[in-house]
Amino acid sequence: MTDILFHVTLPPPSVNRAHVMRRSHTGASWIGKSKDYTGWIKSAALEIRSQNPGVRIEGDITLHLNIRRDDPRSDLDNREKALIDAIQSSGVIVNDRQIVEKHTRWLATAGCAVTGAIVPKVSA
């Protein structure tokens, strides 16, 4: 199988803004994912899926991510989580547990917010 390439136009949100406190009508509270976070996941997953229709990898993978740095205070690892959630949500991979190796860096140019490659591991 060849490498699976993708790009996402909007920058991933920070995981610091992924969760919000919620309350039910009975007053019970819990922590849930924010609407902004889940909205970005859905949008990015659609982009990834539309670029790779019919692709589903079930084995181990190496993930290469290039993320545009819009804010110099951003932490790279805080942006990875949303992107990995979107890749899994796209259905291109079954579960993020398949990631056995990962390479992430800031993208040095303007344009797409994220470029990436999913590389299936070859069994020995």
PDB file of N, CA and C in Angstrom:
ATOM      1  N   MET A   1       0.850  -1.188   0.000  1.00  0.00           N
ATOM      2  CA  MET A   1       0.000   0.000   0.000  1.00  0.00           C
ATOM      3  C   MET A   1       0.891   1.245   0.000  1.00  0.00           C
ATOM      4  N   THR A   2       0.467   2.253  -0.715  1.00  0.00           N
ATOM      5  CA  THR A   2       1.229   3.493  -0.812  1.00  0.00           C
ATOM      6  C   THR A   2       0.880   4.442   0.336  1.00  0.00           C
ATOM      7  N   ASP A   3       1.674   5.487   0.464  1.00  0.00           N
ATOM      8  CA  ASP A   3       1.420   6.505   1.486  1.00  0.00           C
ATOM      9  C   ASP A   3       0.091   7.206   1.202  1.00  0.00           C
ATOM     10  N   ILE A   4      -0.610   7.553   2.262  1.00  0.00           N
ATOM     11  CA  ILE A   4      -1.875   8.276   2.169  1.00  0.00           C
ATOM     12  C   ILE A   4      -1.580   9.738   2.485  1.00  0.00           C
ATOM     13  N   LEU A   5      -1.736  10.616   1.498  1.00  0.00           N
ATOM     14  CA  LEU A   5      -1.436  12.033   1.675  1.00  0.00           C
ATOM     15  C   LEU A   5      -2.724  12.809   1.915  1.00  0.00           C
ATOM     16  N   PHE A   6      -2.637  13.878   2.694  1.00  0.00           N
ATOM     17  CA  PHE A   6      -3.806  14.714   2.947  1.00  0.00           C
ATOM     18  C   PHE A   6      -3.383  16.120   3.312  1.00  0.00           C
ATOM     19  N   HIS A   7      -4.336  17.042   3.205  1.00  0.00           N
ATOM     20  CA  HIS A   7      -4.141  18.402   3.699  1.00  0.00           C
ATOM     21  C   HIS A   7      -5.462  18.879   4.310  1.00  0.00           C
ATOM     22  N   VAL A   8      -5.347  19.802   5.232  1.00  0.00           N
ATOM     23  CA  VAL A   8      -6.504  20.383   5.908  1.00  0.00           C
ATOM     24  C   VAL A   8      -6.345  21.901   5.824  1.00  0.00           C
ATOM     25  N   THR A   9      -7.422  22.603   5.462  1.00  0.00           N
ATOM     26  CA  THR A   9      -7.311  24.041   5.235  1.00  0.00           C
ATOM     27  C   THR A   9      -7.327  24.873   6.517  1.00  0.00           C
ATOM     28  N   LEU A  10      -8.063  24.440   7.540  1.00  0.00           N
ATOM     29  CA  LEU A  10      -8.133  25.214   8.786  1.00  0.00           C
ATOM     30  C   LEU A  10      -7.162  24.665   9.824  1.00  0.00           C
ATOM     31  N   PRO A  11      -6.485  25.539  10.575  1.00  0.00           N
ATOM     32  CA  PRO A  11      -5.536  25.054  11.584  1.00  0.00           C
ATOM     33  C   PRO A  11      -6.262  24.326  12.715  1.00  0.00           C
ATOM     34  N   PRO A  12      -5.653  23.273  13.253  1.00  0.00           N
ATOM     35  CA  PRO A  12      -6.296  22.531  14.337  1.00  0.00           C
ATOM     36  C   PRO A  12      -6.367  23.363  15.613  1.00  0.00           C
ATOM     37  N   PRO A  13      -7.449  23.196  16.371  1.00  0.00           N
ATOM     38  CA  PRO A  13      -7.558  23.908  17.643  1.00  0.00           C
ATOM     39  C   PRO A  13      -6.629  23.307  18.680  1.00  0.00           C
ATOM     40  N   SER A  14      -6.304  24.086  19.677  1.00  0.00           N
ATOM     41  CA  SER A  14      -5.498  23.584  20.782  1.00  0.00           C
ATOM     42  C   SER A  14      -6.329  22.651  21.643  1.00  0.00           C
ATOM     43  N   VAL A  15      -5.724  21.609  22.144  1.00  0.00           N
ATOM     44  CA  VAL A  15      -6.411  20.690  23.046  1.00  0.00           C
ATOM     45  C   VAL A  15      -6.802  21.409  24.344  1.00  0.00           C
ATOM     46  N   ASN A  16      -6.151  22.540  24.632  1.00  0.00           N
ATOM     47  CA  ASN A  16      -6.503  23.324  25.817  1.00  0.00           C
ATOM     48  C   ASN A  16      -7.926  23.871  25.745  1.00  0.00           C
ATOM     49  N   ARG A  17      -8.468  23.963  24.534  1.00  0.00           N
ATOM     50  CA  ARG A  17      -9.833  24.476  24.357  1.00  0.00           C
ATOM     51  C   ARG A  17     -10.799  23.385  23.923  1.00  0.00           C
ATOM     52  N   ALA A  18     -10.402  22.135  24.060  1.00  0.00           N
ATOM     53  CA  ALA A  18     -11.214  21.023  23.579  1.00  0.00           C
ATOM     54  C   ALA A  18     -12.359  20.654  24.512  1.00  0.00           C
ATOM     55  N   HIS A  19     -12.228  20.945  25.788  1.00  0.00           N
ATOM     56  CA  HIS A  19     -13.219  20.484  26.755  1.00  0.00           C
ATOM     57  C   HIS A  19     -13.901  21.636  27.479  1.00  0.00           C
ATOM     58  N   VAL A  20     -15.180  21.430  27.789  1.00  0.00           N
ATOM     59  CA  VAL A  20     -15.968  22.413  28.530  1.00  0.00           C
ATOM     60  C   VAL A  20     -16.786  21.693  29.593  1.00  0.00           C
ATOM     61  N   MET A  21     -17.118  22.414  30.649  1.00  0.00           N
ATOM     62  CA  MET A  21     -17.980  21.868  31.692  1.00  0.00           C
ATOM     63  C   MET A  21     -19.421  21.956  31.211  1.00  0.00           C
ATOM     64  N   ARG A  22     -20.148  20.870  31.343  1.00  0.00           N
ATOM     65  CA  ARG A  22     -21.556  20.821  30.926  1.00  0.00           C
ATOM     66  C   ARG A  22     -22.436  20.506  32.139  1.00  0.00           C
ATOM     67  N   ARG A  23     -23.689  20.942  32.063  1.00  0.00           N
ATOM     68  CA  ARG A  23     -24.674  20.641  33.113  1.00  0.00           C
ATOM     69  C   ARG A  23     -25.954  20.124  32.472  1.00  0.00           C
ATOM     70  N   SER A  24     -26.534  19.126  33.107  1.00  0.00           N
ATOM     71  CA  SER A  24     -27.816  18.608  32.637  1.00  0.00           C
ATOM     72  C   SER A  24     -28.948  19.382  33.300  1.00  0.00           C
ATOM     73  N   HIS A  25     -30.175  19.127  32.891  1.00  0.00           N
ATOM     74  CA  HIS A  25     -31.327  19.801  33.478  1.00  0.00           C
ATOM     75  C   HIS A  25     -31.521  19.422  34.944  1.00  0.00           C
ATOM     76  N   THR A  26     -30.906  18.314  35.384  1.00  0.00           N
ATOM     77  CA  THR A  26     -31.015  17.898  36.790  1.00  0.00           C
ATOM     78  C   THR A  26     -29.915  18.504  37.651  1.00  0.00           C
ATOM     79  N   GLY A  27     -28.997  19.216  37.021  1.00  0.00           N
ATOM     80  CA  GLY A  27     -27.913  19.845  37.757  1.00  0.00           C
ATOM     81  C   GLY A  27     -26.626  19.043  37.780  1.00  0.00           C
ATOM     82  N   ALA A  28     -26.645  17.820  37.243  1.00  0.00           N
ATOM     83  CA  ALA A  28     -25.424  17.010  37.171  1.00  0.00           C
ATOM     84  C   ALA A  28     -24.450  17.661  36.199  1.00  0.00           C
ATOM     85  N   SER A  29     -23.164  17.605  36.495  1.00  0.00           N
ATOM     86  CA  SER A  29     -22.179  18.183  35.594  1.00  0.00           C
ATOM     87  C   SER A  29     -21.163  17.143  35.156  1.00  0.00           C
ATOM     88  N   TRP A  30     -20.594  17.392  34.004  1.00  0.00           N
ATOM     89  CA  TRP A  30     -19.562  16.541  33.444  1.00  0.00           C
ATOM     90  C   TRP A  30     -18.744  17.367  32.474  1.00  0.00           C
ATOM     91  N   ILE A  31     -17.629  16.825  32.069  1.00  0.00           N
ATOM     92  CA  ILE A  31     -16.775  17.507  31.093  1.00  0.00           C
ATOM     93  C   ILE A  31     -17.034  16.882  29.728  1.00  0.00           C
ATOM     94  N   GLY A  32     -17.302  17.718  28.740  1.00  0.00           N
ATOM     95  CA  GLY A  32     -17.542  17.255  27.381  1.00  0.00           C
ATOM     96  C   GLY A  32     -16.678  18.024  26.404  1.00  0.00           C
ATOM     97  N   LYS A  33     -16.697  17.589  25.171  1.00  0.00           N
ATOM     98  CA  LYS A  33     -15.927  18.278  24.133  1.00  0.00           C
ATOM     99  C   LYS A  33     -16.680  19.533  23.698  1.00  0.00           C
ATOM    100  N   SER A  34     -15.929  20.591  23.433  1.00  0.00           N
ATOM    101  CA  SER A  34     -16.535  21.863  23.032  1.00  0.00           C
ATOM    102  C   SER A  34     -17.084  21.766  21.610  1.00  0.00           C
ATOM    103  N   LYS A  35     -18.040  22.639  21.304  1.00  0.00           N
ATOM    104  CA  LYS A  35     -18.627  22.670  19.960  1.00  0.00           C
ATOM    105  C   LYS A  35     -17.590  23.071  18.919  1.00  0.00           C
ATOM    106  N   ASP A  36     -16.711  24.003  19.259  1.00  0.00           N
ATOM    107  CA  ASP A  36     -15.658  24.408  18.315  1.00  0.00           C
ATOM    108  C   ASP A  36     -14.743  23.240  17.978  1.00  0.00           C
ATOM    109  N   TYR A  37     -14.370  22.473  19.013  1.00  0.00           N
ATOM    110  CA  TYR A  37     -13.478  21.326  18.822  1.00  0.00           C
ATOM    111  C   TYR A  37     -14.150  20.263  17.962  1.00  0.00           C
ATOM    112  N   THR A  38     -15.368  19.877  18.322  1.00  0.00           N
ATOM    113  CA  THR A  38     -16.053  18.831  17.554  1.00  0.00           C
ATOM    114  C   THR A  38     -16.379  19.304  16.137  1.00  0.00           C
ATOM    115  N   GLY A  39     -16.671  20.590  15.978  1.00  0.00           N
ATOM    116  CA  GLY A  39     -16.915  21.133  14.640  1.00  0.00           C
ATOM    117  C   GLY A  39     -15.680  21.052  13.770  1.00  0.00           C
ATOM    118  N   TRP A  40     -14.517  21.381  14.354  1.00  0.00           N
ATOM    119  CA  TRP A  40     -13.272  21.306  13.583  1.00  0.00           C
ATOM    120  C   TRP A  40     -12.974  19.856  13.210  1.00  0.00           C
ATOM    121  N   ILE A  41     -13.175  18.931  14.150  1.00  0.00           N
ATOM    122  CA  ILE A  41     -12.923  17.508  13.885  1.00  0.00           C
ATOM    123  C   ILE A  41     -13.773  17.046  12.694  1.00  0.00           C
ATOM    124  N   LYS A  42     -15.061  17.380  12.701  1.00  0.00           N
ATOM    125  CA  LYS A  42     -15.951  16.963  11.612  1.00  0.00           C
ATOM    126  C   LYS A  42     -15.504  17.549  10.280  1.00  0.00           C
ATOM    127  N   SER A  43     -15.171  18.833  10.271  1.00  0.00           N
ATOM    128  CA  SER A  43     -14.747  19.502   9.043  1.00  0.00           C
ATOM    129  C   SER A  43     -13.446  18.901   8.500  1.00  0.00           C
ATOM    130  N   ALA A  44     -12.465  18.732   9.374  1.00  0.00           N
ATOM    131  CA  ALA A  44     -11.175  18.176   8.944  1.00  0.00           C
ATOM    132  C   ALA A  44     -11.325  16.724   8.492  1.00  0.00           C
ATOM    133  N   ALA A  45     -12.149  15.950   9.200  1.00  0.00           N
ATOM    134  CA  ALA A  45     -12.367  14.547   8.822  1.00  0.00           C
ATOM    135  C   ALA A  45     -12.978  14.452   7.429  1.00  0.00           C
ATOM    136  N   LEU A  46     -13.902  15.350   7.117  1.00  0.00           N
ATOM    137  CA  LEU A  46     -14.499  15.358   5.774  1.00  0.00           C
ATOM    138  C   LEU A  46     -13.458  15.673   4.706  1.00  0.00           C
ATOM    139  N   GLU A  47     -12.570  16.623   4.996  1.00  0.00           N
ATOM    140  CA  GLU A  47     -11.504  16.952   4.034  1.00  0.00           C
ATOM    141  C   GLU A  47     -10.597  15.738   3.804  1.00  0.00           C
ATOM    142  N   ILE A  48     -10.191  15.108   4.894  1.00  0.00           N
ATOM    143  CA  ILE A  48      -9.278  13.957   4.789  1.00  0.00           C
ATOM    144  C   ILE A  48      -9.946  12.816   4.035  1.00  0.00           C
ATOM    145  N   ARG A  49     -11.202  12.521   4.366  1.00  0.00           N
ATOM    146  CA  ARG A  49     -11.935  11.430   3.704  1.00  0.00           C
ATOM    147  C   ARG A  49     -12.141  11.735   2.226  1.00  0.00           C
ATOM    148  N   SER A  50     -12.480  12.974   1.890  1.00  0.00           N
ATOM    149  CA  SER A  50     -12.737  13.313   0.482  1.00  0.00           C
ATOM    150  C   SER A  50     -11.468  13.193  -0.371  1.00  0.00           C
ATOM    151  N   GLN A  51     -10.310  13.346   0.231  1.00  0.00           N
ATOM    152  CA  GLN A  51      -9.048  13.217  -0.489  1.00  0.00           C
ATOM    153  C   GLN A  51      -8.604  11.759  -0.610  1.00  0.00           C
ATOM    154  N   ASN A  52      -9.222  10.884   0.201  1.00  0.00           N
ATOM    155  CA  ASN A  52      -8.826   9.469   0.223  1.00  0.00           C
ATOM    156  C   ASN A  52     -10.055   8.566   0.290  1.00  0.00           C
ATOM    157  N   PRO A  53     -10.946   8.661  -0.709  1.00  0.00           N
ATOM    158  CA  PRO A  53     -12.164   7.857  -0.655  1.00  0.00           C
ATOM    159  C   PRO A  53     -11.863   6.360  -0.719  1.00  0.00           C
ATOM    160  N   GLY A  54     -12.559   5.604   0.100  1.00  0.00           N
ATOM    161  CA  GLY A  54     -12.405   4.152   0.080  1.00  0.00           C
ATOM    162  C   GLY A  54     -11.180   3.616   0.792  1.00  0.00           C
ATOM    163  N   VAL A  55     -10.327   4.494   1.315  1.00  0.00           N
ATOM    164  CA  VAL A  55      -9.107   4.040   1.987  1.00  0.00           C
ATOM    165  C   VAL A  55      -9.411   3.748   3.455  1.00  0.00           C
ATOM    166  N   ARG A  56      -8.969   2.589   3.925  1.00  0.00           N
ATOM    167  CA  ARG A  56      -9.084   2.236   5.339  1.00  0.00           C
ATOM    168  C   ARG A  56      -7.890   1.358   5.687  1.00  0.00           C
ATOM    169  N   ILE A  57      -7.049   1.859   6.582  1.00  0.00           N
ATOM    170  CA  ILE A  57      -5.854   1.134   7.000  1.00  0.00           C
ATOM    171  C   ILE A  57      -6.134   0.511   8.361  1.00  0.00           C
ATOM    172  N   GLU A  58      -5.859  -0.780   8.487  1.00  0.00           N
ATOM    173  CA  GLU A  58      -6.145  -1.477   9.737  1.00  0.00           C
ATOM    174  C   GLU A  58      -4.890  -1.850  10.517  1.00  0.00           C
ATOM    175  N   GLY A  59      -3.731  -1.770   9.902  1.00  0.00           N
ATOM    176  CA  GLY A  59      -2.488  -2.141  10.583  1.00  0.00           C
ATOM    177  C   GLY A  59      -1.768  -0.935  11.159  1.00  0.00           C
ATOM    178  N   ASP A  60      -0.564  -1.186  11.666  1.00  0.00           N
ATOM    179  CA  ASP A  60       0.264  -0.130  12.247  1.00  0.00           C
ATOM    180  C   ASP A  60       0.663   0.894  11.190  1.00  0.00           C
ATOM    181  N   ILE A  61       0.828   2.143  11.652  1.00  0.00           N
ATOM    182  CA  ILE A  61       1.181   3.225  10.735  1.00  0.00           C
ATOM    183  C   ILE A  61       2.249   4.141  11.336  1.00  0.00           C
ATOM    184  N   THR A  62       2.925   4.855  10.448  1.00  0.00           N
ATOM    185  CA  THR A  62       3.765   5.990  10.815  1.00  0.00           C
ATOM    186  C   THR A  62       3.027   7.220  10.331  1.00  0.00           C
ATOM    187  N   LEU A  63       2.996   8.248  11.170  1.00  0.00           N
ATOM    188  CA  LEU A  63       2.267   9.471  10.844  1.00  0.00           C
ATOM    189  C   LEU A  63       3.257  10.628  10.725  1.00  0.00           C
ATOM    190  N   HIS A  64       3.166  11.363   9.627  1.00  0.00           N
ATOM    191  CA  HIS A  64       3.981  12.556   9.393  1.00  0.00           C
ATOM    192  C   HIS A  64       3.048  13.750   9.331  1.00  0.00           C
ATOM    193  N   LEU A  65       3.236  14.727  10.212  1.00  0.00           N
ATOM    194  CA  LEU A  65       2.373  15.906  10.265  1.00  0.00           C
ATOM    195  C   LEU A  65       3.184  17.186  10.148  1.00  0.00           C
ATOM    196  N   ASN A  66       2.690  18.112   9.349  1.00  0.00           N
ATOM    197  CA  ASN A  66       3.261  19.457   9.226  1.00  0.00           C
ATOM    198  C   ASN A  66       2.126  20.425   9.528  1.00  0.00           C
ATOM    199  N   ILE A  67       2.259  21.196  10.588  1.00  0.00           N
ATOM    200  CA  ILE A  67       1.183  22.072  11.044  1.00  0.00           C
ATOM    201  C   ILE A  67       1.645  23.528  10.968  1.00  0.00           C
ATOM    202  N   ARG A  68       0.828  24.369  10.307  1.00  0.00           N
ATOM    203  CA  ARG A  68       1.158  25.792  10.212  1.00  0.00           C
ATOM    204  C   ARG A  68       1.026  26.439  11.590  1.00  0.00           C
ATOM    205  N   ARG A  69       2.001  27.221  11.947  1.00  0.00           N
ATOM    206  CA  ARG A  69       2.023  27.891  13.256  1.00  0.00           C
ATOM    207  C   ARG A  69       1.481  29.304  13.104  1.00  0.00           C
ATOM    208  N   ASP A  70       0.199  29.482  13.445  1.00  0.00           N
ATOM    209  CA  ASP A  70      -0.436  30.792  13.336  1.00  0.00           C
ATOM    210  C   ASP A  70      -0.162  31.663  14.554  1.00  0.00           C
ATOM    211  N   ASP A  71       0.159  31.052  15.674  1.00  0.00           N
ATOM    212  CA  ASP A  71       0.403  31.785  16.924  1.00  0.00           C
ATOM    213  C   ASP A  71       1.743  31.321  17.488  1.00  0.00           C
ATOM    214  N   PRO A  72       2.697  32.215  17.680  1.00  0.00           N
ATOM    215  CA  PRO A  72       4.018  31.796  18.167  1.00  0.00           C
ATOM    216  C   PRO A  72       3.976  31.190  19.567  1.00  0.00           C
ATOM    217  N   ARG A  73       2.877  31.364  20.296  1.00  0.00           N
ATOM    218  CA  ARG A  73       2.759  30.777  21.632  1.00  0.00           C
ATOM    219  C   ARG A  73       2.208  29.357  21.601  1.00  0.00           C
ATOM    220  N   SER A  74       1.831  28.873  20.420  1.00  0.00           N
ATOM    221  CA  SER A  74       1.234  27.540  20.289  1.00  0.00           C
ATOM    222  C   SER A  74       2.223  26.437  20.644  1.00  0.00           C
ATOM    223  N   ASP A  75       1.693  25.386  21.267  1.00  0.00           N
ATOM    224  CA  ASP A  75       2.466  24.167  21.526  1.00  0.00           C
ATOM    225  C   ASP A  75       2.138  23.159  20.433  1.00  0.00           C
ATOM    226  N   LEU A  76       3.155  22.578  19.870  1.00  0.00           N
ATOM    227  CA  LEU A  76       2.965  21.621  18.782  1.00  0.00           C
ATOM    228  C   LEU A  76       2.125  20.422  19.217  1.00  0.00           C
ATOM    229  N   ASP A  77       2.409  19.879  20.392  1.00  0.00           N
ATOM    230  CA  ASP A  77       1.672  18.692  20.839  1.00  0.00           C
ATOM    231  C   ASP A  77       0.205  19.003  21.147  1.00  0.00           C
ATOM    232  N   ASN A  78      -0.134  20.246  21.483  1.00  0.00           N
ATOM    233  CA  ASN A  78      -1.532  20.613  21.711  1.00  0.00           C
ATOM    234  C   ASN A  78      -2.330  20.620  20.412  1.00  0.00           C
ATOM    235  N   ARG A  79      -1.673  20.784  19.291  1.00  0.00           N
ATOM    236  CA  ARG A  79      -2.347  20.790  17.985  1.00  0.00           C
ATOM    237  C   ARG A  79      -2.448  19.384  17.397  1.00  0.00           C
ATOM    238  N   GLU A  80      -1.542  18.507  17.792  1.00  0.00           N
ATOM    239  CA  GLU A  80      -1.544  17.137  17.269  1.00  0.00           C
ATOM    240  C   GLU A  80      -2.821  16.376  17.610  1.00  0.00           C
ATOM    241  N   LYS A  81      -3.283  16.492  18.831  1.00  0.00           N
ATOM    242  CA  LYS A  81      -4.410  15.685  19.307  1.00  0.00           C
ATOM    243  C   LYS A  81      -5.647  15.883  18.438  1.00  0.00           C
ATOM    244  N   ALA A  82      -6.004  17.117  18.146  1.00  0.00           N
ATOM    245  CA  ALA A  82      -7.181  17.365  17.312  1.00  0.00           C
ATOM    246  C   ALA A  82      -6.997  16.757  15.922  1.00  0.00           C
ATOM    247  N   LEU A  83      -5.808  16.868  15.393  1.00  0.00           N
ATOM    248  CA  LEU A  83      -5.543  16.330  14.065  1.00  0.00           C
ATOM    249  C   LEU A  83      -5.639  14.806  14.051  1.00  0.00           C
ATOM    250  N   ILE A  84      -5.100  14.172  15.064  1.00  0.00           N
ATOM    251  CA  ILE A  84      -5.185  12.711  15.155  1.00  0.00           C
ATOM    252  C   ILE A  84      -6.637  12.271  15.343  1.00  0.00           C
ATOM    253  N   ASP A  85      -7.402  13.009  16.142  1.00  0.00           N
ATOM    254  CA  ASP A  85      -8.832  12.711  16.296  1.00  0.00           C
ATOM    255  C   ASP A  85      -9.552  12.810  14.950  1.00  0.00           C
ATOM    256  N   ALA A  86      -9.201  13.814  14.137  1.00  0.00           N
ATOM    257  CA  ALA A  86      -9.829  13.989  12.822  1.00  0.00           C
ATOM    258  C   ALA A  86      -9.457  12.851  11.872  1.00  0.00           C
ATOM    259  N   ILE A  87      -8.207  12.417  11.913  1.00  0.00           N
ATOM    260  CA  ILE A  87      -7.777  11.312  11.050  1.00  0.00           C
ATOM    261  C   ILE A  87      -8.564  10.054  11.397  1.00  0.00           C
ATOM    262  N   GLN A  88      -8.705   9.770  12.685  1.00  0.00           N
ATOM    263  CA  GLN A  88      -9.481   8.602  13.104  1.00  0.00           C
ATOM    264  C   GLN A  88     -10.952   8.771  12.715  1.00  0.00           C
ATOM    265  N   SER A  89     -11.505   9.950  12.945  1.00  0.00           N
ATOM    266  CA  SER A  89     -12.905  10.227  12.621  1.00  0.00           C
ATOM    267  C   SER A  89     -13.182  10.092  11.122  1.00  0.00           C
ATOM    268  N   SER A  90     -12.168  10.352  10.298  1.00  0.00           N
ATOM    269  CA  SER A  90     -12.331  10.244   8.840  1.00  0.00           C
ATOM    270  C   SER A  90     -12.532   8.803   8.394  1.00  0.00           C
ATOM    271  N   GLY A  91     -12.118   7.855   9.215  1.00  0.00           N
ATOM    272  CA  GLY A  91     -12.229   6.447   8.857  1.00  0.00           C
ATOM    273  C   GLY A  91     -11.047   5.924   8.067  1.00  0.00           C
ATOM    274  N   VAL A  92     -10.065   6.778   7.787  1.00  0.00           N
ATOM    275  CA  VAL A  92      -8.879   6.332   7.049  1.00  0.00           C
ATOM    276  C   VAL A  92      -8.071   5.344   7.893  1.00  0.00           C
ATOM    277  N   ILE A  93      -8.058   5.559   9.210  1.00  0.00           N
ATOM    278  CA  ILE A  93      -7.492   4.578  10.134  1.00  0.00           C
ATOM    279  C   ILE A  93      -8.615   4.134  11.069  1.00  0.00           C
ATOM    280  N   VAL A  94      -8.457   2.967  11.660  1.00  0.00           N
ATOM    281  CA  VAL A  94      -9.481   2.424  12.555  1.00  0.00           C
ATOM    282  C   VAL A  94      -9.407   3.086  13.920  1.00  0.00           C
ATOM    283  N   ASN A  95      -8.169   3.216  14.438  1.00  0.00           N
ATOM    284  CA  ASN A  95      -7.985   3.738  15.787  1.00  0.00           C
ATOM    285  C   ASN A  95      -6.608   4.372  15.883  1.00  0.00           C
ATOM    286  N   ASP A  96      -6.483   5.414  16.698  1.00  0.00           N
ATOM    287  CA  ASP A  96      -5.175   6.062  16.810  1.00  0.00           C
ATOM    288  C   ASP A  96      -4.141   5.188  17.522  1.00  0.00           C
ATOM    289  N   ARG A  97      -4.561   4.061  18.077  1.00  0.00           N
ATOM    290  CA  ARG A  97      -3.587   3.104  18.635  1.00  0.00           C
ATOM    291  C   ARG A  97      -2.704   2.495  17.551  1.00  0.00           C
ATOM    292  N   GLN A  98      -3.119   2.637  16.291  1.00  0.00           N
ATOM    293  CA  GLN A  98      -2.327   2.122  15.176  1.00  0.00           C
ATOM    294  C   GLN A  98      -1.044   2.918  14.968  1.00  0.00           C
ATOM    295  N   ILE A  99      -0.970   4.119  15.514  1.00  0.00           N
ATOM    296  CA  ILE A  99       0.207   4.963  15.324  1.00  0.00           C
ATOM    297  C   ILE A  99       1.341   4.422  16.182  1.00  0.00           C
ATOM    298  N   VAL A 100       2.356   3.885  15.535  1.00  0.00           N
ATOM    299  CA  VAL A 100       3.508   3.340  16.256  1.00  0.00           C
ATOM    300  C   VAL A 100       4.738   4.247  16.123  1.00  0.00           C
ATOM    301  N   GLU A 101       4.633   5.210  15.222  1.00  0.00           N
ATOM    302  CA  GLU A 101       5.715   6.173  15.033  1.00  0.00           C
ATOM    303  C   GLU A 101       5.081   7.466  14.532  1.00  0.00           C
ATOM    304  N   LYS A 102       5.609   8.623  15.011  1.00  0.00           N
ATOM    305  CA  LYS A 102       5.011   9.899  14.654  1.00  0.00           C
ATOM    306  C   LYS A 102       6.105  10.953  14.517  1.00  0.00           C
ATOM    307  N   HIS A 103       5.987  11.770  13.469  1.00  0.00           N
ATOM    308  CA  HIS A 103       6.909  12.872  13.231  1.00  0.00           C
ATOM    309  C   HIS A 103       6.070  14.124  12.997  1.00  0.00           C
ATOM    310  N   THR A 104       6.242  15.125  13.842  1.00  0.00           N
ATOM    311  CA  THR A 104       5.454  16.354  13.726  1.00  0.00           C
ATOM    312  C   THR A 104       6.388  17.554  13.740  1.00  0.00           C
ATOM    313  N   ARG A 105       6.067  18.526  12.890  1.00  0.00           N
ATOM    314  CA  ARG A 105       6.863  19.759  12.871  1.00  0.00           C
ATOM    315  C   ARG A 105       5.981  20.917  12.449  1.00  0.00           C
ATOM    316  N   TRP A 106       6.463  22.110  12.734  1.00  0.00           N
ATOM    317  CA  TRP A 106       5.761  23.312  12.292  1.00  0.00           C
ATOM    318  C   TRP A 106       5.979  23.466  10.798  1.00  0.00           C
ATOM    319  N   LEU A 107       4.937  23.853  10.095  1.00  0.00           N
ATOM    320  CA  LEU A 107       4.996  24.112   8.663  1.00  0.00           C
ATOM    321  C   LEU A 107       5.520  25.528   8.462  1.00  0.00           C
ATOM    322  N   ALA A 108       6.542  25.672   7.655  1.00  0.00           N
ATOM    323  CA  ALA A 108       7.240  26.954   7.522  1.00  0.00           C
ATOM    324  C   ALA A 108       6.591  27.912   6.533  1.00  0.00           C
ATOM    325  N   THR A 109       5.617  27.455   5.755  1.00  0.00           N
ATOM    326  CA  THR A 109       5.046  28.318   4.722  1.00  0.00           C
ATOM    327  C   THR A 109       3.572  28.618   4.972  1.00  0.00           C
ATOM    328  N   ALA A 110       3.082  29.627   4.303  1.00  0.00           N
ATOM    329  CA  ALA A 110       1.653  29.952   4.350  1.00  0.00           C
ATOM    330  C   ALA A 110       0.901  28.977   3.453  1.00  0.00           C
ATOM    331  N   GLY A 111      -0.397  29.047   3.478  1.00  0.00           N
ATOM    332  CA  GLY A 111      -1.202  28.155   2.640  1.00  0.00           C
ATOM    333  C   GLY A 111      -2.001  27.213   3.514  1.00  0.00           C
ATOM    334  N   CYS A 112      -1.994  25.932   3.173  1.00  0.00           N
ATOM    335  CA  CYS A 112      -2.727  24.939   3.952  1.00  0.00           C
ATOM    336  C   CYS A 112      -2.291  24.979   5.411  1.00  0.00           C
ATOM    337  N   ALA A 113      -3.231  24.724   6.299  1.00  0.00           N
ATOM    338  CA  ALA A 113      -2.904  24.720   7.719  1.00  0.00           C
ATOM    339  C   ALA A 113      -2.176  23.450   8.116  1.00  0.00           C
ATOM    340  N   VAL A 114      -2.477  22.354   7.419  1.00  0.00           N
ATOM    341  CA  VAL A 114      -1.869  21.066   7.768  1.00  0.00           C
ATOM    342  C   VAL A 114      -1.617  20.275   6.491  1.00  0.00           C
ATOM    343  N   THR A 115      -0.465  19.645   6.412  1.00  0.00           N
ATOM    344  CA  THR A 115      -0.217  18.621   5.410  1.00  0.00           C
ATOM    345  C   THR A 115       0.256  17.389   6.158  1.00  0.00           C
ATOM    346  N   GLY A 116      -0.020  16.240   5.604  1.00  0.00           N
ATOM    347  CA  GLY A 116       0.393  15.037   6.311  1.00  0.00           C
ATOM    348  C   GLY A 116       0.448  13.827   5.412  1.00  0.00           C
ATOM    349  N   ALA A 117       1.037  12.785   5.974  1.00  0.00           N
ATOM    350  CA  ALA A 117       1.118  11.492   5.293  1.00  0.00           C
ATOM    351  C   ALA A 117       0.928  10.388   6.324  1.00  0.00           C
ATOM    352  N   ILE A 118       0.150   9.401   5.943  1.00  0.00           N
ATOM    353  CA  ILE A 118      -0.033   8.207   6.756  1.00  0.00           C
ATOM    354  C   ILE A 118       0.682   7.093   6.000  1.00  0.00           C
ATOM    355  N   VAL A 119       1.671   6.498   6.633  1.00  0.00           N
ATOM    356  CA  VAL A 119       2.489   5.484   5.984  1.00  0.00           C
ATOM    357  C   VAL A 119       2.233   4.136   6.656  1.00  0.00           C
ATOM    358  N   PRO A 120       1.594   3.204   5.927  1.00  0.00           N
ATOM    359  CA  PRO A 120       1.365   1.874   6.491  1.00  0.00           C
ATOM    360  C   PRO A 120       2.694   1.172   6.752  1.00  0.00           C
ATOM    361  N   LYS A 121       2.801   0.525   7.905  1.00  0.00           N
ATOM    362  CA  LYS A 121       3.996  -0.241   8.236  1.00  0.00           C
ATOM    363  C   LYS A 121       3.947  -1.575   7.502  1.00  0.00           C
ATOM    364  N   VAL A 122       5.071  -1.986   6.980  1.00  0.00           N
ATOM    365  CA  VAL A 122       5.167  -3.260   6.275  1.00  0.00           C
ATOM    366  C   VAL A 122       5.610  -4.326   7.270  1.00  0.00           C
ATOM    367  N   SER A 123       4.854  -5.394   7.342  1.00  0.00           N
ATOM    368  CA  SER A 123       5.217  -6.498   8.245  1.00  0.00           C
ATOM    369  C   SER A 123       6.467  -7.192   7.754  1.00  0.00           C
ATOM    370  N   ALA A 124       7.308  -7.563   8.708  1.00  0.00           N
ATOM    371  CA  ALA A 124       8.575  -8.226   8.339  1.00  0.00           C
ATOM    372  C   ALA A 124       8.360  -9.692   8.079  1.00  0.00           C
TER     373      ALA A 124
END
